[in-house]
């Protein structure tokens, strides 16, 4: 069975991105502020141009969060993978 290709998340996807990031933290016993707080933060971040989230699966079972930042060695933004998570059933 083929899955749809990963897609760029929009501010409308904040609840899904937040749910996956919360699950990531919980799976690895890392403190999390909870999906509601994460969704509030993501709504602001994904509305800008410095953070891009990618979702994979339908329903989404994986998330990647890419932060763009300036870099002294390159004339333009450099992407840093800030978070990368695949739900256990998708591994």
Protein backbone atom coordinates (compact mmCIF):
# COMPACT_ATOMS: atom_id res chain seq x y z
CA UNK A 1 0.00 0.00 0.00
CA UNK A 2 1.43 3.37 -1.01
CA UNK A 3 1.37 6.32 1.36
CA UNK A 4 0.92 9.86 0.12
CA UNK A 5 4.18 11.83 -0.09
CA UNK A 6 5.15 14.04 2.86
CA UNK A 7 3.60 17.47 2.73
CA UNK A 8 4.26 20.87 4.24
CA UNK A 9 2.06 21.45 7.26
CA UNK A 10 -0.03 24.60 7.44
CA UNK A 11 -1.20 26.52 10.51
CA UNK A 12 -4.41 24.45 10.21
CA UNK A 13 -2.29 21.34 10.98
CA UNK A 14 -1.01 22.62 14.32
CA UNK A 15 -3.07 20.19 16.39
CA UNK A 16 -1.71 17.23 14.42
CA UNK A 17 1.90 18.45 14.61
CA UNK A 18 1.49 19.15 18.33
CA UNK A 19 0.02 15.70 18.97
CA UNK A 20 2.95 14.00 17.26
CA UNK A 21 5.56 16.14 19.05
CA UNK A 22 3.87 15.47 22.39
CA UNK A 23 3.90 11.72 21.65
CA UNK A 24 7.61 11.98 20.77
CA UNK A 25 8.42 13.59 24.12
CA UNK A 26 6.30 11.12 26.07
CA UNK A 27 7.77 8.08 24.31
CA UNK A 28 11.28 9.12 25.31
CA UNK A 29 10.27 10.32 28.79
CA UNK A 30 11.08 13.94 28.00
CA UNK A 31 9.07 16.70 29.68
CA UNK A 32 6.35 18.13 27.48
CA UNK A 33 4.07 21.12 28.03
CA UNK A 34 1.26 19.10 26.43
CA UNK A 35 -0.36 19.21 23.01
CA UNK A 36 -2.48 22.29 23.74
CA UNK A 37 0.54 24.46 24.64
CA UNK A 38 2.54 23.04 21.74
CA UNK A 39 -0.35 23.81 19.34
CA UNK A 40 -0.48 27.42 20.55
CA UNK A 41 3.25 27.83 19.98
CA UNK A 42 3.15 26.04 16.62
CA UNK A 43 0.27 28.19 15.36
CA UNK A 44 2.52 31.24 15.71
CA UNK A 45 5.67 29.53 14.40
CA UNK A 46 4.04 27.95 11.34
CA UNK A 47 2.46 31.29 10.40
CA UNK A 48 5.94 32.76 9.90
CA UNK A 49 8.76 31.87 7.54
CA UNK A 50 11.44 30.57 9.94
CA UNK A 51 9.86 27.21 10.84
CA UNK A 52 8.50 24.60 8.45
CA UNK A 53 6.79 21.39 9.52
CA UNK A 54 6.40 18.35 7.29
CA UNK A 55 3.82 15.61 7.87
CA UNK A 56 3.83 12.10 6.44
CA UNK A 57 0.98 9.62 6.28
CA UNK A 58 -2.77 9.91 6.13
CA UNK A 59 -3.55 10.20 8.94
CA UNK A 60 -0.17 11.71 9.80
CA UNK A 61 2.22 9.31 11.57
CA UNK A 62 5.44 11.28 11.18
CA UNK A 63 6.59 14.86 11.61
CA UNK A 64 9.76 16.80 10.84
CA UNK A 65 10.29 20.32 12.09
CA UNK A 66 12.80 22.42 10.15
CA UNK A 67 14.11 25.71 11.57
CA UNK A 68 15.66 28.19 9.15
CA UNK A 69 18.36 30.45 10.54
CA UNK A 70 21.12 32.76 9.28
CA UNK A 71 24.58 31.31 8.90
CA UNK A 72 27.96 32.97 8.59
CA UNK A 73 29.15 30.48 5.97
CA UNK A 74 26.23 30.86 3.56
CA UNK A 75 24.40 33.87 2.18
CA UNK A 76 20.89 32.87 3.12
CA UNK A 77 19.04 30.72 5.63
CA UNK A 78 20.31 27.30 6.64
CA UNK A 79 17.86 24.57 7.63
CA UNK A 80 18.25 22.74 10.94
CA UNK A 81 16.15 19.64 11.61
CA UNK A 82 14.78 20.55 15.01
CA UNK A 83 12.49 17.53 15.52
CA UNK A 84 11.98 14.26 13.66
CA UNK A 85 9.48 11.66 14.83
CA UNK A 86 7.82 8.58 13.41
CA UNK A 87 5.05 6.97 15.45
CA UNK A 88 6.00 3.40 16.49
CA UNK A 89 3.53 1.82 14.03
CA UNK A 90 5.18 3.71 11.14
CA UNK A 91 8.75 2.57 11.81
